[in-house]
Each structure stands twice: as structure tokens, then as C-alpha cells.
Amino acid sequence: MDTGLIHIYCGDGKGKTTASLGLVLRCAGRGGKVLFAQFLKGRPTGELEALKALTQVTVLRGKAMTKFTFQMTADEKKETCQAQTTLLQKIQDFCEKHHPDLAVCDELVGACALGLVPEEQVIHFLKGKPAHTEVVLTGRNPSPALLDLADYVSEIKKIKHPFDRGIAARIGIEE
């Protein structure tokens, strides 16, 4: 790739991570070097197991959140902010050193919207990324500043979801 663009997959619907993983598979299938990083999430999932089989994909994960931010003490929120910000720094360092063709930052938009990662640091990363690296950010509630930087913005809207009927996440489908 000559020019790496910026994608945002946002909205309240199911499928933002899934869409980003489709791009991971497409890029890896063409021999591209991929970084897949997850903010906020910590549970084991089927997609992470599958990514282990792809040697050109590197996976980075932050410290899993065990509570919603509104349930956290000030110390817990501070610790969570540090962990999420450290993950963004690891992504930035990886991109500077390895120049991946694709870097997916799953739930970075959400981490930003929750105030867990400084938006200025995200903008600095996006503006300073290697020129050929394509970047995907996922999550709810992107700021106008992030939307302005993006070349692609896709909103995934929930119409109906089994969770609303009390059906928990199922292994192999949502996990």
C-alpha cells in the first residue's frame, strides 16, 4: 500500500470488531503485516484464538476492565487510564519499529470517549503513523476531531439484539 488511510467503525450495533477483523483477514491473506490491539476488553474470544494461527498478525491487549467507569473508585480509574494509555504507547512504538500494513485499535474510540485515553495522544498517533499504515479505530461515540481525521467512517446501528431479550453472549458468536 502506498497511502495508509484511517477508518472509524462506530455506533451502537454489533459488528464493529467483526468488521475490523474482516480487514485483518483480507490484509493478512495478501501477505500484509498486521497489528490487532484491543482496549477495554479482556475476555478470551474465538477471534483471538484464530489470530494466533496467523503468523503475520501481532496481538496486543490492554488490562481488562472489570467494572464500568462509573463504578470505579478514583484510584481504579487512574490505574485503568494508565493501563489504556500504556497500550496506546505500545501500539505507537510497534508501528514506528515494525511499520505494519494495518493497525487495528479495537475499542480505542470507546476508551477515548470514556476519558481513559487522552484524545490528544490518539490524534498524535494518527498524525504520526507510518505513511503506508492503514489504521482502524472501533468503538462508540467518536469525537468530531476523530471523525475529521478519518477517511472512512462507518456507523453500525443496532436495530435489534438478543441481549435486549436477556440472551447472554454465546461462545463462537459473540465471544
Protein backbone atom coordinates (compact mmCIF):
# COMPACT_ATOMS: atom_id res chain seq x y z
CA MET A 1 0.00 0.00 0.00
CA ASP A 2 1.23 3.47 -0.80
CA THR A 3 -1.13 5.55 1.33
CA GLY A 4 -2.46 4.31 4.64
CA LEU A 5 -5.88 5.73 5.43
CA ILE A 6 -7.85 5.95 8.67
CA HIS A 7 -11.12 4.08 9.29
CA ILE A 8 -13.60 4.51 12.14
CA TYR A 9 -16.22 1.82 12.75
CA CYS A 10 -18.61 3.27 15.31
CA GLY A 11 -22.18 3.06 16.57
CA ASP A 12 -24.28 1.07 19.00
CA GLY A 13 -24.67 -2.00 16.79
CA LYS A 14 -22.96 -5.38 16.90
CA GLY A 15 -20.20 -5.86 14.37
CA LYS A 16 -17.56 -3.15 14.76
CA THR A 17 -14.86 -5.56 15.90
CA THR A 18 -16.09 -8.16 13.43
CA ALA A 19 -15.77 -5.68 10.55
CA SER A 20 -12.24 -4.80 11.62
CA LEU A 21 -11.34 -8.50 11.76
CA GLY A 22 -12.55 -8.89 8.18
CA LEU A 23 -9.96 -6.29 7.17
CA VAL A 24 -7.32 -8.10 9.27
CA LEU A 25 -8.03 -11.31 7.34
CA ARG A 26 -8.00 -9.55 3.99
CA CYS A 27 -4.68 -7.84 4.69
CA ALA A 28 -3.04 -10.94 6.20
CA GLY A 29 -4.36 -13.05 3.31
CA ARG A 30 -2.45 -10.79 0.92
CA GLY A 31 0.75 -11.15 2.94
CA GLY A 32 0.42 -7.92 4.92
CA LYS A 33 1.84 -7.39 8.38
CA VAL A 34 -0.97 -6.65 10.86
CA LEU A 35 -1.24 -5.33 14.40
CA PHE A 36 -4.52 -6.04 16.21
CA ALA A 37 -4.79 -4.26 19.57
CA GLN A 38 -7.72 -4.35 21.99
CA PHE A 39 -8.63 -1.72 24.53
CA LEU A 40 -11.15 -2.29 27.36
CA LYS A 41 -11.77 -5.98 26.54
CA GLY A 42 -10.19 -8.86 28.38
CA ARG A 43 -12.28 -11.98 27.94
CA PRO A 44 -10.94 -14.81 25.79
CA THR A 45 -12.65 -14.86 22.39
CA GLY A 46 -12.75 -17.10 19.35
CA GLU A 47 -11.27 -14.45 17.09
CA LEU A 48 -8.19 -14.10 19.30
CA GLU A 49 -7.70 -17.87 19.16
CA ALA A 50 -7.94 -17.76 15.36
CA LEU A 51 -5.49 -14.85 15.10
CA LYS A 52 -2.86 -16.94 16.91
CA ALA A 53 -2.66 -19.11 13.78
CA LEU A 54 -1.75 -16.15 11.57
CA THR A 55 1.99 -15.58 11.93
CA GLN A 56 1.89 -12.12 10.33
CA VAL A 57 -0.63 -10.86 12.92
CA THR A 58 0.59 -9.44 16.23
CA VAL A 59 -1.98 -9.11 19.03
CA LEU A 60 -1.66 -6.60 21.87
CA ARG A 61 -4.21 -6.28 24.66
CA GLY A 62 -4.57 -3.85 27.50
CA LYS A 63 -5.63 -4.58 31.03
CA ALA A 64 -9.20 -5.82 31.02
CA MET A 65 -11.80 -3.65 32.68
CA THR A 66 -13.73 -5.48 35.37
CA LYS A 67 -16.10 -2.60 36.16
CA PHE A 68 -17.84 0.20 34.33
CA THR A 69 -16.04 3.52 34.78
CA PHE A 70 -18.93 4.94 36.84
CA GLN A 71 -18.43 2.06 39.33
CA MET A 72 -14.69 2.69 39.75
CA THR A 73 -13.01 4.45 42.61
CA ALA A 74 -10.72 7.34 41.72
CA ASP A 75 -7.69 5.07 42.17
CA GLU A 76 -9.18 2.34 39.98
CA LYS A 77 -9.97 4.83 37.24
CA LYS A 78 -6.45 6.28 37.42
CA GLU A 79 -4.95 2.78 37.16
CA THR A 80 -7.22 1.96 34.21
CA CYS A 81 -6.26 5.21 32.45
CA GLN A 82 -2.58 4.39 32.88
CA ALA A 83 -3.03 0.86 31.52
CA GLN A 84 -5.01 2.01 28.47
CA THR A 85 -2.60 4.87 27.75
CA THR A 86 0.33 2.45 28.05
CA LEU A 87 -1.32 0.21 25.45
CA LEU A 88 -1.60 3.13 23.04
CA GLN A 89 2.10 3.87 23.57
CA LYS A 90 2.93 0.20 22.83
CA ILE A 91 0.92 0.47 19.59
CA GLN A 92 2.73 3.64 18.63
CA ASP A 93 6.13 2.05 19.39
CA PHE A 94 5.21 -1.08 17.41
CA CYS A 95 4.14 0.97 14.39
CA GLU A 96 7.33 3.06 14.48
CA LYS A 97 9.54 -0.04 14.74
CA HIS A 98 7.72 -2.58 12.52
CA HIS A 99 5.71 -0.42 10.07
CA PRO A 100 2.68 -2.73 9.80
CA ASP A 101 0.44 -2.53 6.76
CA LEU A 102 -2.62 -2.48 9.03
CA ALA A 103 -3.08 -1.47 12.67
CA VAL A 104 -6.47 -2.12 14.28
CA CYS A 105 -7.17 -0.34 17.57
CA ASP A 106 -10.31 -2.10 18.74
CA GLU A 107 -12.36 -0.03 21.23
CA LEU A 108 -9.90 2.87 21.20
CA VAL A 109 -12.78 5.19 20.29
CA GLY A 110 -14.65 3.92 23.35
CA ALA A 111 -11.61 4.31 25.60
CA CYS A 112 -11.29 7.89 24.36
CA ALA A 113 -14.99 8.65 24.83
CA LEU A 114 -14.81 7.33 28.41
CA GLY A 115 -11.85 9.60 29.16
CA LEU A 116 -9.48 6.66 29.68
CA VAL A 117 -7.09 7.65 26.89
CA PRO A 118 -6.31 11.29 26.13
CA GLU A 119 -7.71 12.21 22.73
CA GLU A 120 -4.65 14.37 22.04
CA GLN A 121 -2.48 11.25 22.29
CA VAL A 122 -4.72 9.39 19.81
CA ILE A 123 -4.58 12.32 17.38
CA HIS A 124 -0.79 12.47 17.77
CA PHE A 125 -0.58 8.73 16.98
CA LEU A 126 -2.81 9.06 13.91
CA LYS A 127 -0.93 12.06 12.53
CA GLY A 128 2.46 10.43 13.18
CA LYS A 129 1.75 6.89 11.97
CA PRO A 130 3.89 5.48 9.15
CA ALA A 131 2.53 6.88 5.87
CA HIS A 132 1.62 3.47 4.42
CA THR A 133 -0.03 2.06 7.59
CA GLU A 134 -3.81 1.74 7.38
CA VAL A 135 -5.41 2.31 10.80
CA VAL A 136 -8.83 1.16 12.01
CA LEU A 137 -10.39 2.52 15.21
CA THR A 138 -13.56 0.98 16.61
CA GLY A 139 -15.95 1.94 19.37
CA ARG A 140 -18.88 4.12 20.32
CA ASN A 141 -19.14 7.91 20.35
CA PRO A 142 -16.21 9.20 18.29
CA SER A 143 -15.45 12.87 18.82
CA PRO A 144 -15.74 15.40 15.99
CA ALA A 145 -11.92 15.68 15.98
CA LEU A 146 -11.50 11.93 15.37
CA LEU A 147 -14.23 11.94 12.72
CA ASP A 148 -12.46 14.80 10.94
CA LEU A 149 -9.20 12.83 10.77
CA ALA A 150 -10.86 9.70 9.38
CA ASP A 151 -11.02 8.85 5.69
CA TYR A 152 -13.73 6.22 6.22
CA VAL A 153 -16.48 6.41 8.84
CA SER A 154 -18.96 3.54 9.07
CA GLU A 155 -21.74 3.65 11.63
CA ILE A 156 -23.18 0.33 12.74
CA LYS A 157 -26.65 0.84 14.15
CA LYS A 158 -28.48 -1.55 16.43
CA ILE A 159 -31.99 -2.32 15.26
CA LYS A 160 -32.47 -5.43 17.37
CA HIS A 161 -30.16 -7.50 19.59
CA PRO A 162 -30.71 -10.73 21.58
CA PHE A 163 -29.13 -9.14 24.67
CA ASP A 164 -32.24 -6.93 24.90
CA ARG A 165 -34.24 -10.14 25.49
CA GLY A 166 -31.82 -11.37 28.15
CA ILE A 167 -29.82 -13.70 25.91
CA ALA A 168 -26.18 -13.66 27.05
CA ALA A 169 -23.17 -13.60 24.73
CA ARG A 170 -22.65 -17.01 23.14
CA ILE A 171 -19.28 -18.67 22.57
CA GLY A 172 -18.48 -18.78 18.87
CA ILE A 173 -20.95 -15.99 18.00
CA GLU A 174 -20.33 -13.02 20.29
CA GLU A 175 -17.24 -14.43 22.04
